[in-house]
Amino acid sequence: MSVDSPEHTSVQHDFEFISTSDDLERWIAVTQIHLEVTRETRVCLDTEADSLHHYHEKLCLLQVACGGRFALIDPLAIPDVTPLFRLLDRYELWFHGADYDLTMLRRSYGWEPQLIRDTQIAARLAGCRQFGLAALLQSVLGVTICKAPQKADWSRRPLPEHMLSYAVDDVRYLLKVADHFLAILKERGRVSWFEQSCRTLQTDVAERSIAQREDPWRVQGSGRLNSKGLAILKAMWEWREGIAQERDIPCYRIMSNKQMVAYSELFELGGAMQAPGGWRPRWKKEFHELVAAVFRLGQENWPQRLKKAKSRMTEEQREAVDRLCSQRDEIALTLDVEGSLLGSRSELELLVTSPSSASPLMPWQDEIIRPMLAKATSSQIVTITS
């Protein structure tokens, strides 16, 4: 079904906005024939969600490009989009910055694509330091796209014209960008680096737990709090979750994690706990009530500070990691890539502290880092197991 809301009927598009199962099936059937005729082996996918506007994050749009055929598919209106996934699984599937898309697709549908490629990874391995899609389109193709709708509410219906145009542009030019960087990677002998990196991304997302972690209220920065501060942090986090869920808004719109940690530190020091300005009266009242409730709970019931794991590294090992990182950065400079692409510091720490364990690096990274390791660890004898 073409874009069919009153807002869209007078505008000509080179894409379809699909909001029924029947129209999706029809588009897939026509597209499959088109791909067979054109012998195209690559397709593109992007997604839009509403995490900045609602408590329960959900996928709101799937943008697809298949051999010059473009579709914007509405998963809010179509209960089963698996026929689309079956089509895409027959081809090499290209994304830009695939981590979030793959995570949301797995969480929403349990779908893990067969074979993915990522233009962001290709750009970074080719030496780009600005690898957002808008920056790449400008530098590679001279195309300027407006990123303003990126933070818009994609759950709204009907979607206005400027948001539809933005959405389709996210897949419209992707293969041209891919071809540009694949040519560079081929010239520099890095195609295998690219393919390994894409497989690793796919594996990492698939293995990443989607279950809620234990004590989710222990947000970044909470590790420096004592028991008193942790008690108020936990109370604020639970209260914020309840309000956000009740009003269907993101938690940060009520109070950011950084704000909560700052209030917890103030609480530890015995400072006056005043609710943030601009809050509605009910929130202010509940805020003061939760502060009082923490006191009533009693110190014996406050959360305890987690014991930090003792550092596994000796001073000699720490110095070895520093030398290895320095050598890594020197090599990265000659390769014109970011040093972290050759291996993160945490990965290099594992190489030094657990030499008999399997290497945390991809084979192409391992091949570059291996010659540096013996030199960096001085007298230590280290074997990397790929």
Protein backbone atom coordinates (compact mmCIF):
# COMPACT_ATOMS: atom_id res chain seq x y z
CA MET A 1 0.00 0.00 0.00
CA SER A 2 1.47 3.36 -0.95
CA VAL A 3 1.53 6.20 1.54
CA ASP A 4 -2.18 6.65 2.02
CA SER A 5 -2.92 9.13 4.80
CA PRO A 6 -4.50 12.47 3.80
CA GLU A 7 -1.21 14.14 4.57
CA HIS A 8 0.58 12.02 1.98
CA THR A 9 -1.78 11.47 -0.95
CA SER A 10 -0.76 14.56 -2.95
CA VAL A 11 2.96 13.78 -2.82
CA GLN A 12 4.76 11.50 -5.26
CA HIS A 13 7.22 9.05 -3.69
CA ASP A 14 9.71 6.50 -4.91
CA PHE A 15 8.93 4.34 -1.88
CA GLU A 16 5.91 2.63 -0.35
CA PHE A 17 4.65 3.09 3.19
CA ILE A 18 3.34 -0.35 4.08
CA SER A 19 0.89 -0.75 6.95
CA THR A 20 -1.02 -3.99 6.22
CA SER A 21 0.05 -7.63 6.05
CA ASP A 22 -1.46 -8.04 2.58
CA ASP A 23 0.49 -5.11 1.19
CA LEU A 24 3.68 -6.39 2.79
CA GLU A 25 3.20 -9.81 1.20
CA ARG A 26 2.57 -8.18 -2.18
CA TRP A 27 5.64 -5.95 -1.91
CA ILE A 28 7.83 -8.89 -0.93
CA ALA A 29 6.60 -11.00 -3.89
CA VAL A 30 7.27 -8.21 -6.41
CA THR A 31 10.62 -7.39 -4.81
CA GLN A 32 11.76 -11.02 -4.86
CA ILE A 33 11.16 -11.18 -8.62
CA HIS A 34 12.91 -7.84 -9.07
CA LEU A 35 15.98 -9.01 -7.15
CA GLU A 36 16.16 -12.21 -9.19
CA VAL A 37 15.92 -10.30 -12.46
CA THR A 38 18.52 -7.70 -11.47
CA ARG A 39 20.74 -10.34 -9.79
CA GLU A 40 21.22 -8.02 -6.86
CA THR A 41 22.86 -9.79 -3.92
CA ARG A 42 22.70 -7.00 -1.36
CA VAL A 43 19.82 -5.38 0.51
CA CYS A 44 19.68 -2.65 3.17
CA LEU A 45 17.80 -2.24 6.43
CA ASP A 46 17.46 0.47 9.06
CA THR A 47 15.10 0.93 11.99
CA GLU A 48 13.53 3.74 13.98
CA ALA A 49 12.35 3.44 17.59
CA ASP A 50 10.74 5.70 20.18
CA SER A 51 13.13 5.38 23.12
CA LEU A 52 13.30 9.15 23.61
CA HIS A 53 9.54 9.47 24.00
CA HIS A 54 8.10 6.41 25.76
CA TYR A 55 8.84 4.20 28.74
CA HIS A 56 8.58 0.94 26.82
CA GLU A 57 10.91 1.29 23.86
CA LYS A 58 9.58 -0.26 20.67
CA LEU A 59 10.41 -0.46 16.98
CA CYS A 60 8.25 1.96 15.01
CA LEU A 61 9.58 1.75 11.46
CA LEU A 62 11.60 -0.60 9.26
CA GLN A 63 13.28 1.01 6.25
CA VAL A 64 14.22 -1.37 3.45
CA ALA A 65 16.10 -0.95 0.16
CA CYS A 66 16.15 -3.84 -2.29
CA GLY A 67 17.67 -3.26 -5.73
CA GLY A 68 16.35 0.31 -5.96
CA ARG A 69 12.96 -0.57 -4.48
CA PHE A 70 12.31 1.25 -1.19
CA ALA A 71 9.73 0.54 1.49
CA LEU A 72 8.91 1.97 4.90
CA ILE A 73 7.19 -0.77 6.84
CA ASP A 74 5.03 -0.04 9.88
CA PRO A 75 5.57 -2.73 12.56
CA LEU A 76 3.08 -0.96 14.82
CA ALA A 77 0.32 -1.83 12.34
CA ILE A 78 1.59 -5.18 11.03
CA PRO A 79 1.59 -7.90 13.71
CA ASP A 80 3.90 -10.29 11.82
CA VAL A 81 6.82 -8.98 9.75
CA THR A 82 8.67 -12.31 9.59
CA PRO A 83 7.99 -12.67 5.83
CA LEU A 84 10.22 -9.61 5.38
CA PHE A 85 12.97 -11.22 7.45
CA ARG A 86 12.77 -14.38 5.35
CA LEU A 87 13.35 -12.26 2.25
CA LEU A 88 16.27 -10.35 3.76
CA ASP A 89 17.93 -13.55 5.00
CA ARG A 90 18.49 -14.63 1.40
CA TYR A 91 20.86 -11.73 0.80
CA GLU A 92 23.82 -9.86 2.23
CA LEU A 93 22.16 -7.42 4.62
CA TRP A 94 23.70 -3.96 5.02
CA PHE A 95 23.24 -1.59 7.95
CA HIS A 96 24.94 1.54 9.18
CA GLY A 97 25.81 1.29 12.87
CA ALA A 98 24.11 -2.10 13.18
CA ASP A 99 24.55 -2.70 16.92
CA TYR A 100 21.37 -0.92 18.04
CA ASP A 101 19.31 -2.21 15.09
CA LEU A 102 20.39 -5.81 15.69
CA THR A 103 19.70 -5.48 19.42
CA MET A 104 16.19 -4.12 18.85
CA LEU A 105 15.38 -6.69 16.15
CA ARG A 106 16.49 -9.50 18.42
CA ARG A 107 14.61 -8.12 21.40
CA SER A 108 11.42 -7.43 19.43
CA TYR A 109 11.29 -10.46 17.13
CA GLY A 110 13.99 -12.88 18.21
CA TRP A 111 15.50 -12.41 14.75
CA GLU A 112 19.21 -12.71 14.05
CA PRO A 113 20.02 -12.00 10.38
CA GLN A 114 22.00 -14.59 8.46
CA LEU A 115 24.74 -12.30 7.14
CA ILE A 116 25.24 -8.65 7.97
CA ARG A 117 27.57 -5.95 6.72
CA ASP A 118 28.03 -2.53 8.33
CA THR A 119 29.13 0.62 6.51
CA GLN A 120 30.20 2.21 9.80
CA ILE A 121 32.69 -0.59 10.39
CA ALA A 122 33.91 -0.29 6.80
CA ALA A 123 34.42 3.46 7.20
CA ARG A 124 36.38 3.10 10.44
CA LEU A 125 38.65 0.41 9.00
CA ALA A 126 39.27 2.71 6.04
CA GLY A 127 40.49 5.40 8.44
CA CYS A 128 37.43 7.64 8.88
CA ARG A 129 37.21 9.48 12.20
CA GLN A 130 33.77 10.95 11.48
CA PHE A 131 31.69 7.93 10.61
CA GLY A 132 28.09 8.99 11.27
CA LEU A 133 25.92 8.41 8.22
CA ALA A 134 25.30 12.11 7.58
CA ALA A 135 29.04 12.83 7.69
CA LEU A 136 29.82 9.96 5.33
CA LEU A 137 27.12 10.94 2.83
CA GLN A 138 28.51 14.45 2.77
CA SER A 139 32.16 13.42 2.41
CA VAL A 140 31.67 10.48 0.02
CA LEU A 141 28.71 11.53 -2.12
CA GLY A 142 28.32 15.25 -1.44
CA VAL A 143 24.79 14.54 -0.24
CA THR A 144 23.39 16.56 2.66
CA ILE A 145 20.64 15.04 4.75
CA CYS A 146 18.79 16.62 7.65
CA LYS A 147 19.25 14.72 10.91
CA ALA A 148 16.64 16.73 12.84
CA PRO A 149 14.01 13.91 12.76
CA GLN A 150 16.47 11.49 14.37
CA LYS A 151 15.14 12.32 17.84
CA ALA A 152 11.51 12.69 16.79
CA ASP A 153 8.69 10.48 18.07
CA TRP A 154 8.53 7.72 15.48
CA SER A 155 5.43 6.21 17.08
CA ARG A 156 3.27 9.13 15.87
CA ARG A 157 0.88 8.51 13.00
CA PRO A 158 0.64 9.71 10.36
CA LEU A 159 4.35 10.39 9.93
CA PRO A 160 4.93 13.78 8.31
CA GLU A 161 6.69 14.12 4.97
CA HIS A 162 10.03 15.29 6.34
CA MET A 163 10.25 12.23 8.60
CA LEU A 164 9.40 9.87 5.76
CA SER A 165 12.10 11.46 3.58
CA TYR A 166 14.63 11.22 6.39
CA ALA A 167 13.77 7.57 6.98
CA VAL A 168 14.17 6.42 3.39
CA ASP A 169 17.40 8.38 2.98
CA ASP A 170 18.94 6.20 5.70
CA VAL A 171 18.92 3.28 3.26
CA ARG A 172 18.75 5.07 -0.11
CA TYR A 173 22.49 5.71 -0.43
CA LEU A 174 23.90 2.93 1.71
CA LEU A 175 25.24 0.69 -1.05
CA LYS A 176 27.01 3.59 -2.75
CA VAL A 177 28.76 4.33 0.54
CA ALA A 178 29.50 0.61 0.91
CA ASP A 179 31.06 0.41 -2.56
CA HIS A 180 33.27 3.43 -1.84
CA PHE A 181 34.74 1.94 1.33
CA LEU A 182 34.92 -1.62 0.03
CA ALA A 183 37.16 -0.33 -2.77
CA ILE A 184 39.46 1.29 -0.20
CA LEU A 185 39.51 -1.82 1.97
CA LYS A 186 40.28 -4.01 -1.03
CA GLU A 187 43.12 -1.72 -2.07
CA ARG A 188 44.58 -1.84 1.46
CA GLY A 189 44.07 -5.57 1.92
CA ARG A 190 41.53 -5.16 4.71
CA VAL A 191 38.43 -6.88 3.35
CA SER A 192 39.01 -9.84 5.67
CA TRP A 193 39.33 -7.39 8.59
CA PHE A 194 35.94 -6.01 7.65
CA GLU A 195 34.24 -9.38 7.30
CA GLN A 196 35.64 -10.63 10.61
CA SER A 197 34.55 -7.43 12.36
CA CYS A 198 31.00 -7.74 11.04
CA ARG A 199 30.79 -11.37 12.18
CA THR A 200 32.10 -10.42 15.60
CA LEU A 201 29.51 -7.66 15.96
CA GLN A 202 26.77 -10.10 15.06
CA THR A 203 28.08 -12.65 17.56
CA ASP A 204 28.45 -10.07 20.32
CA VAL A 205 24.87 -8.89 19.92
CA ALA A 206 23.55 -12.45 19.82
CA GLU A 207 25.43 -13.38 22.99
CA ARG A 208 24.56 -10.23 24.86
CA SER A 209 22.04 -10.93 27.60
CA ILE A 210 18.72 -9.17 27.16
CA ALA A 211 17.57 -10.15 30.65
CA GLN A 212 17.32 -7.36 33.21
CA ARG A 213 20.55 -7.17 35.16
CA GLU A 214 20.66 -7.59 38.91
CA ASP A 215 20.31 -4.35 40.90
CA PRO A 216 19.69 -2.12 37.84
CA TRP A 217 19.52 0.88 40.16
CA ARG A 218 23.29 0.67 40.62
CA VAL A 219 23.86 3.16 37.81
CA GLN A 220 27.15 4.61 36.65
CA GLY A 221 28.75 6.56 39.47
CA SER A 222 27.07 4.57 42.24
CA GLY A 223 30.26 2.69 43.00
CA ARG A 224 31.60 5.68 44.94
CA LEU A 225 28.55 5.86 47.23
CA ASN A 226 28.40 4.40 50.71
CA SER A 227 25.42 2.54 52.19
CA LYS A 228 23.48 5.71 53.01
CA GLY A 229 23.85 7.12 49.52
CA LEU A 230 22.94 3.78 47.96
CA ALA A 231 19.74 3.67 50.00
CA ILE A 232 18.46 6.98 48.64
CA LEU A 233 19.64 6.11 45.13
CA LYS A 234 17.68 2.85 45.17
CA ALA A 235 14.59 4.64 46.47
CA MET A 236 14.83 7.36 43.82
CA TRP A 237 15.38 4.83 41.05
CA GLU A 238 12.34 2.76 42.03
CA TRP A 239 10.17 5.88 42.37
CA ARG A 240 11.35 7.20 39.00
CA GLU A 241 10.57 3.86 37.31
CA GLY A 242 7.04 3.91 38.67
CA ILE A 243 6.34 7.47 37.54
CA ALA A 244 7.88 6.89 34.10
CA GLN A 245 5.85 3.74 33.56
CA GLU A 246 2.67 5.42 34.77
CA ARG A 247 3.12 8.39 32.43
CA ASP A 248 4.72 6.39 29.59
CA ILE A 249 7.73 8.66 29.33
CA PRO A 250 11.48 7.91 29.38
CA CYS A 251 13.02 7.86 32.85
CA TYR A 252 15.54 10.59 32.04
CA ARG A 253 12.66 13.05 31.52
CA ILE A 254 11.97 12.83 35.26
CA MET A 255 15.51 12.67 36.61
CA SER A 256 18.75 11.60 34.96
CA ASN A 257 21.07 8.99 36.44
CA LYS A 258 23.67 11.70 36.93
CA GLN A 259 21.19 13.81 38.91
CA MET A 260 20.25 10.85 41.11
CA VAL A 261 23.89 10.12 41.93
CA ALA A 262 24.45 13.81 42.75
CA TYR A 263 21.45 13.80 45.10
CA SER A 264 22.72 10.60 46.70
CA GLU A 265 26.08 12.21 47.39
CA LEU A 266 24.31 15.22 48.90
CA PHE A 267 22.25 12.88 51.07
CA GLU A 268 25.44 11.19 52.32
CA LEU A 269 26.82 14.57 53.39
CA GLY A 270 23.64 15.51 55.23
CA GLY A 271 22.69 18.27 52.81
CA ALA A 272 19.16 19.62 52.39
CA MET A 273 17.24 17.40 49.96
CA GLN A 274 15.11 19.78 47.91
CA ALA A 275 13.15 18.45 44.94
CA PRO A 276 14.29 19.81 41.56
CA GLY A 277 12.65 23.04 40.45
CA GLY A 278 9.83 22.73 37.94
CA TRP A 279 8.51 19.47 39.32
CA ARG A 280 4.78 19.14 39.78
CA PRO A 281 3.53 19.31 43.41
CA ARG A 282 2.79 15.59 43.57
CA TRP A 283 6.34 14.68 42.58
CA LYS A 284 7.81 17.06 45.15
CA LYS A 285 5.61 15.59 47.87
CA GLU A 286 6.55 12.02 46.95
CA PHE A 287 10.23 12.97 46.77
CA HIS A 288 10.24 14.22 50.36
CA GLU A 289 8.27 11.15 51.43
CA LEU A 290 10.82 8.78 49.93
CA VAL A 291 13.66 10.62 51.69
CA ALA A 292 11.83 10.20 54.99
CA ALA A 293 11.15 6.55 54.17
CA VAL A 294 14.87 5.87 53.72
CA PHE A 295 15.51 7.15 57.24
CA ARG A 296 12.66 5.05 58.62
CA LEU A 297 14.05 1.96 56.85
CA GLY A 298 17.05 2.07 59.13
CA GLN A 299 20.73 1.72 58.44
CA GLU A 300 20.69 -2.03 58.96
CA ASN A 301 18.39 -2.38 55.93
CA TRP A 302 20.31 -0.09 53.58
CA PRO A 303 22.03 -1.66 50.54
CA GLN A 304 25.68 -2.49 50.95
CA ARG A 305 28.49 -1.23 48.84
CA LEU A 306 29.73 -3.89 46.44
CA LYS A 307 33.20 -5.13 47.11
CA LYS A 308 35.54 -4.23 44.30
CA ALA A 309 37.44 -7.09 42.81
CA LYS A 310 41.10 -6.83 43.55
CA SER A 311 43.24 -5.89 40.60
CA ARG A 312 44.63 -8.94 38.88
CA MET A 313 47.60 -7.03 37.54
CA THR A 314 50.97 -6.67 39.15
CA GLU A 315 52.93 -3.49 38.65
CA GLU A 316 55.06 -5.29 36.07
CA GLN A 317 51.97 -6.38 34.15
CA ARG A 318 50.49 -2.88 34.27
CA GLU A 319 53.70 -1.49 32.79
CA ALA A 320 53.60 -4.19 30.12
CA VAL A 321 50.04 -3.18 29.16
CA ASP A 322 51.14 0.45 28.94
CA ARG A 323 53.97 -0.51 26.59
CA LEU A 324 51.64 -2.68 24.51
CA CYS A 325 49.11 0.14 24.18
CA SER A 326 51.87 2.52 23.15
CA GLN A 327 53.10 0.11 20.47
CA ARG A 328 49.53 -0.48 19.33
CA ASP A 329 48.97 3.25 18.86
CA GLU A 330 52.18 3.59 16.87
CA ILE A 331 51.10 0.82 14.51
CA ALA A 332 47.61 2.30 14.25
CA LEU A 333 49.14 5.60 13.19
CA THR A 334 50.96 3.93 10.32
CA LEU A 335 47.72 2.15 9.33
CA ASP A 336 45.72 5.41 9.63
CA VAL A 337 43.12 3.91 11.96
CA GLU A 338 42.12 4.48 15.57
CA GLY A 339 44.24 2.56 18.04
CA SER A 340 41.21 1.00 19.72
CA LEU A 341 40.33 -0.79 16.48
CA LEU A 342 43.42 -2.95 16.89
CA GLY A 343 42.37 -3.97 20.40
CA SER A 344 40.96 -2.21 23.43
CA ARG A 345 43.00 -1.71 26.58
CA SER A 346 40.87 -4.26 28.44
CA GLU A 347 41.56 -6.82 25.72
CA LEU A 348 45.29 -6.14 25.88
CA GLU A 349 45.15 -6.53 29.66
CA LEU A 350 43.73 -10.02 29.16
CA LEU A 351 46.57 -10.89 26.81
CA VAL A 352 49.10 -9.90 29.43
CA THR A 353 47.40 -11.34 32.52
CA SER A 354 45.94 -14.52 30.99
CA PRO A 355 48.39 -15.53 28.25
CA SER A 356 47.23 -19.15 28.19
CA SER A 357 43.59 -18.23 27.60
CA ALA A 358 42.00 -17.87 24.17
CA SER A 359 42.79 -14.52 22.62
CA PRO A 360 40.01 -11.93 23.01
CA LEU A 361 41.06 -10.43 19.68
CA MET A 362 39.81 -11.16 16.20
CA PRO A 363 42.33 -13.06 14.03
CA TRP A 364 43.29 -9.95 12.06
CA GLN A 365 43.90 -8.01 15.27
CA ASP A 366 45.80 -10.92 16.77
CA GLU A 367 48.08 -11.04 13.76
CA ILE A 368 49.04 -7.39 14.29
CA ILE A 369 49.37 -7.46 18.08
CA ARG A 370 51.16 -10.82 18.39
CA PRO A 371 54.64 -9.58 17.34
CA MET A 372 54.43 -6.74 19.89
CA LEU A 373 53.48 -8.89 22.85
CA ALA A 374 56.79 -10.57 23.67
CA LYS A 375 58.58 -7.23 23.47
CA ALA A 376 56.02 -5.48 25.66
CA THR A 377 56.10 -8.17 28.34
CA SER A 378 59.91 -8.17 28.44
CA SER A 379 61.06 -11.38 30.12
CA GLN A 380 57.57 -12.87 30.34
CA ILE A 381 56.97 -15.79 27.98
CA VAL A 382 53.53 -15.39 26.46
CA THR A 383 51.61 -17.56 24.03
CA ILE A 384 48.42 -16.32 22.38
CA THR A 385 45.84 -18.95 21.59
CA SER A 386 43.71 -17.78 18.66
